């Protein structure tokens, strides 16, 4: 059971990074991103998860802090 928790947590972490990068890209294009819009997002997806797919983790690149993305 612990391995399933590890996989779920890894997926949530990757989804959080992907969402953060997508938010930054939208902001870079000049669209306003408010906390109300972000409140509707979730890193815990329950459908279309590639459970046994390719998950490539870049452990050398540190993601931006969330505060910098929202600034």
PDB file of N, CA and C in Angstrom:
ATOM      1  N   UNK A   1       0.815  -1.192   0.000  1.00  0.00           N
ATOM      2  CA  UNK A   1       0.000   0.000   0.000  1.00  0.00           C
ATOM      3  C   UNK A   1       0.862   1.260   0.000  1.00  0.00           C
ATOM      4  N   UNK A   2       2.018   1.208   0.610  1.00  0.00           N
ATOM      5  CA  UNK A   2       2.880   2.388   0.670  1.00  0.00           C
ATOM      6  C   UNK A   2       3.368   2.800  -0.709  1.00  0.00           C
ATOM      7  N   UNK A   3       3.567   1.832  -1.599  1.00  0.00           N
ATOM      8  CA  UNK A   3       4.028   2.157  -2.947  1.00  0.00           C
ATOM      9  C   UNK A   3       2.970   2.922  -3.720  1.00  0.00           C
ATOM     10  N   UNK A   4       1.700   2.576  -3.513  1.00  0.00           N
ATOM     11  CA  UNK A   4       0.625   3.310  -4.176  1.00  0.00           C
ATOM     12  C   UNK A   4       0.580   4.753  -3.688  1.00  0.00           C
ATOM     13  N   UNK A   5       0.824   4.955  -2.401  1.00  0.00           N
ATOM     14  CA  UNK A   5       0.879   6.320  -1.869  1.00  0.00           C
ATOM     15  C   UNK A   5       2.032   7.089  -2.493  1.00  0.00           C
ATOM     16  N   UNK A   6       3.161   6.432  -2.656  1.00  0.00           N
ATOM     17  CA  UNK A   6       4.321   7.074  -3.272  1.00  0.00           C
ATOM     18  C   UNK A   6       4.020   7.479  -4.716  1.00  0.00           C
ATOM     19  N   UNK A   7       3.378   6.597  -5.464  1.00  0.00           N
ATOM     20  CA  UNK A   7       3.023   6.902  -6.850  1.00  0.00           C
ATOM     21  C   UNK A   7       2.022   8.058  -6.890  1.00  0.00           C
ATOM     22  N   UNK A   8       1.022   8.015  -6.042  1.00  0.00           N
ATOM     23  CA  UNK A   8       0.024   9.088  -6.009  1.00  0.00           C
ATOM     24  C   UNK A   8       0.676  10.417  -5.659  1.00  0.00           C
ATOM     25  N   UNK A   9       1.568  10.421  -4.683  1.00  0.00           N
ATOM     26  CA  UNK A   9       2.248  11.659  -4.292  1.00  0.00           C
ATOM     27  C   UNK A   9       3.160  12.176  -5.405  1.00  0.00           C
ATOM     28  N   UNK A  10       3.811  11.275  -6.122  1.00  0.00           N
ATOM     29  CA  UNK A  10       4.667  11.688  -7.238  1.00  0.00           C
ATOM     30  C   UNK A  10       3.829  12.307  -8.355  1.00  0.00           C
ATOM     31  N   UNK A  11       2.669  11.745  -8.619  1.00  0.00           N
ATOM     32  CA  UNK A  11       1.770  12.298  -9.639  1.00  0.00           C
ATOM     33  C   UNK A  11       1.275  13.674  -9.223  1.00  0.00           C
ATOM     34  N   UNK A  12       0.903  13.823  -7.966  1.00  0.00           N
ATOM     35  CA  UNK A  12       0.442  15.121  -7.467  1.00  0.00           C
ATOM     36  C   UNK A  12       1.558  16.154  -7.563  1.00  0.00           C
ATOM     37  N   UNK A  13       2.777  15.773  -7.221  1.00  0.00           N
ATOM     38  CA  UNK A  13       3.912  16.691  -7.316  1.00  0.00           C
ATOM     39  C   UNK A  13       4.133  17.121  -8.764  1.00  0.00           C
ATOM     40  N   UNK A  14       4.133  16.168  -9.687  1.00  0.00           N
ATOM     41  CA  UNK A  14       4.338  16.510 -11.096  1.00  0.00           C
ATOM     42  C   UNK A  14       3.208  17.389 -11.613  1.00  0.00           C
ATOM     43  N   UNK A  15       1.981  17.081 -11.219  1.00  0.00           N
ATOM     44  CA  UNK A  15       0.848  17.902 -11.645  1.00  0.00           C
ATOM     45  C   UNK A  15       0.963  19.321 -11.101  1.00  0.00           C
ATOM     46  N   UNK A  16       1.451  19.466  -9.874  1.00  0.00           N
ATOM     47  CA  UNK A  16       1.647  20.796  -9.282  1.00  0.00           C
ATOM     48  C   UNK A  16       2.677  21.582 -10.079  1.00  0.00           C
ATOM     49  N   UNK A  17       3.758  20.935 -10.452  1.00  0.00           N
ATOM     50  CA  UNK A  17       4.797  21.599 -11.256  1.00  0.00           C
ATOM     51  C   UNK A  17       4.233  21.981 -12.624  1.00  0.00           C
ATOM     52  N   UNK A  18       3.507  21.064 -13.254  1.00  0.00           N
ATOM     53  CA  UNK A  18       2.927  21.345 -14.567  1.00  0.00           C
ATOM     54  C   UNK A  18       1.926  22.498 -14.493  1.00  0.00           C
ATOM     55  N   UNK A  19       1.081  22.505 -13.456  1.00  0.00           N
ATOM     56  CA  UNK A  19       0.120  23.593 -13.284  1.00  0.00           C
ATOM     57  C   UNK A  19       0.833  24.920 -13.060  1.00  0.00           C
ATOM     58  N   UNK A  20       1.881  24.919 -12.259  1.00  0.00           N
ATOM     59  CA  UNK A  20       2.639  26.145 -11.997  1.00  0.00           C
ATOM     60  C   UNK A  20       3.248  26.694 -13.275  1.00  0.00           C
ATOM     61  N   UNK A  21       3.799  25.817 -14.107  1.00  0.00           N
ATOM     62  CA  UNK A  21       4.383  26.258 -15.373  1.00  0.00           C
ATOM     63  C   UNK A  21       3.304  26.767 -16.332  1.00  0.00           C
ATOM     64  N   UNK A  22       2.152  26.131 -16.339  1.00  0.00           N
ATOM     65  CA  UNK A  22       1.054  26.579 -17.200  1.00  0.00           C
ATOM     66  C   UNK A  22       0.536  27.942 -16.747  1.00  0.00           C
ATOM     67  N   UNK A  23       0.428  28.146 -15.453  1.00  0.00           N
ATOM     68  CA  UNK A  23      -0.008  29.440 -14.922  1.00  0.00           C
ATOM     69  C   UNK A  23       0.988  30.521 -15.311  1.00  0.00           C
ATOM     70  N   UNK A  24       2.264  30.222 -15.187  1.00  0.00           N
ATOM     71  CA  UNK A  24       3.293  31.194 -15.550  1.00  0.00           C
ATOM     72  C   UNK A  24       3.228  31.522 -17.041  1.00  0.00           C
ATOM     73  N   UNK A  25       3.008  30.527 -17.876  1.00  0.00           N
ATOM     74  CA  UNK A  25       2.921  30.755 -19.326  1.00  0.00           C
ATOM     75  C   UNK A  25       1.727  31.644 -19.663  1.00  0.00           C
ATOM     76  N   UNK A  26       0.609  31.425 -18.998  1.00  0.00           N
ATOM     77  CA  UNK A  26      -0.580  32.256 -19.228  1.00  0.00           C
ATOM     78  C   UNK A  26      -0.301  33.692 -18.789  1.00  0.00           C
ATOM     79  N   UNK A  27       0.345  33.852 -17.643  1.00  0.00           N
ATOM     80  CA  UNK A  27       0.688  35.196 -17.169  1.00  0.00           C
ATOM     81  C   UNK A  27       1.671  35.874 -18.112  1.00  0.00           C
ATOM     82  N   UNK A  28       2.631  35.125 -18.634  1.00  0.00           N
ATOM     83  CA  UNK A  28       3.612  35.677 -19.561  1.00  0.00           C
ATOM     84  C   UNK A  28       2.965  36.176 -20.851  1.00  0.00           C
ATOM     85  N   UNK A  29       1.823  35.597 -21.203  1.00  0.00           N
ATOM     86  CA  UNK A  29       1.101  36.019 -22.397  1.00  0.00           C
ATOM     87  C   UNK A  29       0.212  37.233 -22.131  1.00  0.00           C
ATOM     88  N   UNK A  30       0.215  37.715 -20.896  1.00  0.00           N
ATOM     89  CA  UNK A  30      -0.517  38.935 -20.564  1.00  0.00           C
ATOM     90  C   UNK A  30      -1.915  38.740 -20.018  1.00  0.00           C
ATOM     91  N   UNK A  31      -2.302  37.511 -19.786  1.00  0.00           N
ATOM     92  CA  UNK A  31      -3.628  37.265 -19.227  1.00  0.00           C
ATOM     93  C   UNK A  31      -3.582  37.392 -17.709  1.00  0.00           C
ATOM     94  N   UNK A  32      -4.590  38.004 -17.114  1.00  0.00           N
ATOM     95  CA  UNK A  32      -4.599  38.112 -15.652  1.00  0.00           C
ATOM     96  C   UNK A  32      -4.903  36.754 -15.011  1.00  0.00           C
ATOM     97  N   UNK A  33      -4.154  36.428 -13.992  1.00  0.00           N
ATOM     98  CA  UNK A  33      -4.369  35.191 -13.244  1.00  0.00           C
ATOM     99  C   UNK A  33      -4.621  35.592 -11.792  1.00  0.00           C
ATOM    100  N   UNK A  34      -5.823  35.343 -11.336  1.00  0.00           N
ATOM    101  CA  UNK A  34      -6.205  35.729  -9.977  1.00  0.00           C
ATOM    102  C   UNK A  34      -6.242  34.505  -9.073  1.00  0.00           C
ATOM    103  N   UNK A  35      -6.242  34.764  -7.785  1.00  0.00           N
ATOM    104  CA  UNK A  35      -6.332  33.655  -6.825  1.00  0.00           C
ATOM    105  C   UNK A  35      -7.670  32.942  -6.958  1.00  0.00           C
ATOM    106  N   UNK A  36      -8.707  33.653  -7.385  1.00  0.00           N
ATOM    107  CA  UNK A  36     -10.014  33.017  -7.579  1.00  0.00           C
ATOM    108  C   UNK A  36      -9.960  31.988  -8.706  1.00  0.00           C
ATOM    109  N   UNK A  37      -9.243  32.317  -9.775  1.00  0.00           N
ATOM    110  CA  UNK A  37      -9.088  31.360 -10.871  1.00  0.00           C
ATOM    111  C   UNK A  37      -8.274  30.149 -10.441  1.00  0.00           C
ATOM    112  N   UNK A  38      -7.212  30.401  -9.712  1.00  0.00           N
ATOM    113  CA  UNK A  38      -6.342  29.305  -9.274  1.00  0.00           C
ATOM    114  C   UNK A  38      -7.056  28.404  -8.264  1.00  0.00           C
ATOM    115  N   UNK A  39      -7.975  28.973  -7.499  1.00  0.00           N
ATOM    116  CA  UNK A  39      -8.697  28.180  -6.506  1.00  0.00           C
ATOM    117  C   UNK A  39      -9.484  27.037  -7.142  1.00  0.00           C
ATOM    118  N   UNK A  40      -9.823  27.190  -8.414  1.00  0.00           N
ATOM    119  CA  UNK A  40     -10.571  26.142  -9.102  1.00  0.00           C
ATOM    120  C   UNK A  40      -9.714  25.019  -9.648  1.00  0.00           C
ATOM    121  N   UNK A  41      -8.399  25.140  -9.538  1.00  0.00           N
ATOM    122  CA  UNK A  41      -7.492  24.112 -10.040  1.00  0.00           C
ATOM    123  C   UNK A  41      -7.181  23.088  -8.960  1.00  0.00           C
ATOM    124  N   UNK A  42      -6.796  21.919  -9.385  1.00  0.00           N
ATOM    125  CA  UNK A  42      -6.414  20.875  -8.444  1.00  0.00           C
ATOM    126  C   UNK A  42      -5.277  20.047  -9.021  1.00  0.00           C
ATOM    127  N   UNK A  43      -4.302  19.759  -8.187  1.00  0.00           N
ATOM    128  CA  UNK A  43      -3.193  18.893  -8.609  1.00  0.00           C
ATOM    129  C   UNK A  43      -3.541  17.419  -8.428  1.00  0.00           C
ATOM    130  N   UNK A  44      -4.700  17.151  -7.828  1.00  0.00           N
ATOM    131  CA  UNK A  44      -5.128  15.773  -7.600  1.00  0.00           C
ATOM    132  C   UNK A  44      -6.162  15.403  -8.646  1.00  0.00           C
ATOM    133  N   UNK A  45      -5.688  14.967  -9.796  1.00  0.00           N
ATOM    134  CA  UNK A  45      -6.586  14.579 -10.876  1.00  0.00           C
ATOM    135  C   UNK A  45      -7.099  13.169 -10.626  1.00  0.00           C
ATOM    136  N   UNK A  46      -8.330  12.931 -11.030  1.00  0.00           N
ATOM    137  CA  UNK A  46      -8.907  11.604 -10.822  1.00  0.00           C
ATOM    138  C   UNK A  46      -9.245  10.911 -12.135  1.00  0.00           C
ATOM    139  N   UNK A  47      -8.941  11.550 -13.251  1.00  0.00           N
ATOM    140  CA  UNK A  47      -9.186  10.901 -14.534  1.00  0.00           C
ATOM    141  C   UNK A  47      -8.019  11.191 -15.474  1.00  0.00           C
ATOM    142  N   UNK A  48      -7.876  10.349 -16.467  1.00  0.00           N
ATOM    143  CA  UNK A  48      -6.838  10.500 -17.489  1.00  0.00           C
ATOM    144  C   UNK A  48      -5.427  10.504 -16.912  1.00  0.00           C
ATOM    145  N   UNK A  49      -5.206   9.751 -15.855  1.00  0.00           N
ATOM    146  CA  UNK A  49      -3.874   9.635 -15.270  1.00  0.00           C
ATOM    147  C   UNK A  49      -3.153   8.478 -15.960  1.00  0.00           C
ATOM    148  N   UNK A  50      -1.954   8.755 -16.433  1.00  0.00           N
ATOM    149  CA  UNK A  50      -1.141   7.701 -17.033  1.00  0.00           C
ATOM    150  C   UNK A  50      -0.460   6.933 -15.888  1.00  0.00           C
ATOM    151  N   UNK A  51      -1.200   6.054 -15.269  1.00  0.00           N
ATOM    152  CA  UNK A  51      -0.696   5.357 -14.083  1.00  0.00           C
ATOM    153  C   UNK A  51       0.604   4.606 -14.353  1.00  0.00           C
ATOM    154  N   UNK A  52       0.726   3.999 -15.508  1.00  0.00           N
ATOM    155  CA  UNK A  52       1.932   3.246 -15.821  1.00  0.00           C
ATOM    156  C   UNK A  52       2.694   3.888 -16.981  1.00  0.00           C
ATOM    157  N   UNK A  53       2.445   5.177 -17.199  1.00  0.00           N
ATOM    158  CA  UNK A  53       3.080   5.886 -18.298  1.00  0.00           C
ATOM    159  C   UNK A  53       4.485   6.330 -17.946  1.00  0.00           C
ATOM    160  N   UNK A  54       5.024   7.185 -18.789  1.00  0.00           N
ATOM    161  CA  UNK A  54       6.371   7.703 -18.594  1.00  0.00           C
ATOM    162  C   UNK A  54       6.314   8.958 -17.728  1.00  0.00           C
ATOM    163  N   UNK A  55       6.955   8.904 -16.609  1.00  0.00           N
ATOM    164  CA  UNK A  55       7.060  10.064 -15.732  1.00  0.00           C
ATOM    165  C   UNK A  55       8.535  10.390 -15.606  1.00  0.00           C
ATOM    166  N   UNK A  56       8.933  11.442 -16.290  1.00  0.00           N
ATOM    167  CA  UNK A  56      10.331  11.847 -16.295  1.00  0.00           C
ATOM    168  C   UNK A  56      10.483  12.995 -15.304  1.00  0.00           C
ATOM    169  N   UNK A  57      11.237  12.776 -14.261  1.00  0.00           N
ATOM    170  CA  UNK A  57      11.450  13.791 -13.237  1.00  0.00           C
ATOM    171  C   UNK A  57      12.816  14.417 -13.430  1.00  0.00           C
ATOM    172  N   UNK A  58      12.844  15.714 -13.551  1.00  0.00           N
ATOM    173  CA  UNK A  58      14.094  16.454 -13.651  1.00  0.00           C
ATOM    174  C   UNK A  58      14.486  16.871 -12.237  1.00  0.00           C
ATOM    175  N   UNK A  59      15.338  16.107 -11.620  1.00  0.00           N
ATOM    176  CA  UNK A  59      15.721  16.360 -10.235  1.00  0.00           C
ATOM    177  C   UNK A  59      16.808  17.427 -10.120  1.00  0.00           C
ATOM    178  N   UNK A  60      17.305  17.913 -11.257  1.00  0.00           N
ATOM    179  CA  UNK A  60      18.356  18.925 -11.232  1.00  0.00           C
ATOM    180  C   UNK A  60      17.804  20.343 -11.313  1.00  0.00           C
ATOM    181  N   UNK A  61      16.626  20.511 -11.897  1.00  0.00           N
ATOM    182  CA  UNK A  61      16.031  21.834 -12.044  1.00  0.00           C
ATOM    183  C   UNK A  61      15.029  22.070 -10.925  1.00  0.00           C
ATOM    184  N   UNK A  62      15.272  23.099 -10.161  1.00  0.00           N
ATOM    185  CA  UNK A  62      14.388  23.428  -9.047  1.00  0.00           C
ATOM    186  C   UNK A  62      13.238  24.297  -9.564  1.00  0.00           C
ATOM    187  N   UNK A  63      11.965  23.912  -9.285  1.00  0.00           N
ATOM    188  CA  UNK A  63      10.843  24.720  -9.762  1.00  0.00           C
ATOM    189  C   UNK A  63      10.799  26.060  -9.032  1.00  0.00           C
ATOM    190  N   UNK A  64      10.180  27.048  -9.682  1.00  0.00           N
ATOM    191  CA  UNK A  64      10.042  28.361  -9.063  1.00  0.00           C
ATOM    192  C   UNK A  64       9.135  28.277  -7.844  1.00  0.00           C
ATOM    193  N   UNK A  65       9.417  29.077  -6.815  1.00  0.00           N
ATOM    194  CA  UNK A  65       8.496  29.135  -5.680  1.00  0.00           C
ATOM    195  C   UNK A  65       7.134  29.661  -6.146  1.00  0.00           C
ATOM    196  N   UNK A  66       6.077  29.206  -5.538  1.00  0.00           N
ATOM    197  CA  UNK A  66       4.736  29.607  -5.926  1.00  0.00           C
ATOM    198  C   UNK A  66       4.552  31.116  -5.798  1.00  0.00           C
ATOM    199  N   UNK A  67       5.190  31.718  -4.806  1.00  0.00           N
ATOM    200  CA  UNK A  67       5.080  33.163  -4.597  1.00  0.00           C
ATOM    201  C   UNK A  67       5.601  33.925  -5.804  1.00  0.00           C
ATOM    202  N   UNK A  68       6.673  33.435  -6.441  1.00  0.00           N
ATOM    203  CA  UNK A  68       7.216  34.096  -7.617  1.00  0.00           C
ATOM    204  C   UNK A  68       6.287  33.966  -8.805  1.00  0.00           C
ATOM    205  N   UNK A  69       5.606  32.833  -8.911  1.00  0.00           N
ATOM    206  CA  UNK A  69       4.678  32.630 -10.013  1.00  0.00           C
ATOM    207  C   UNK A  69       3.494  33.576  -9.884  1.00  0.00           C
ATOM    208  N   UNK A  70       3.046  33.816  -8.668  1.00  0.00           N
ATOM    209  CA  UNK A  70       1.880  34.656  -8.430  1.00  0.00           C
ATOM    210  C   UNK A  70       2.222  36.148  -8.396  1.00  0.00           C
ATOM    211  N   UNK A  71       3.498  36.513  -8.387  1.00  0.00           N
ATOM    212  CA  UNK A  71       3.876  37.927  -8.288  1.00  0.00           C
ATOM    213  C   UNK A  71       3.617  38.676  -9.570  1.00  0.00           C
TER     214      UNK A  71
END
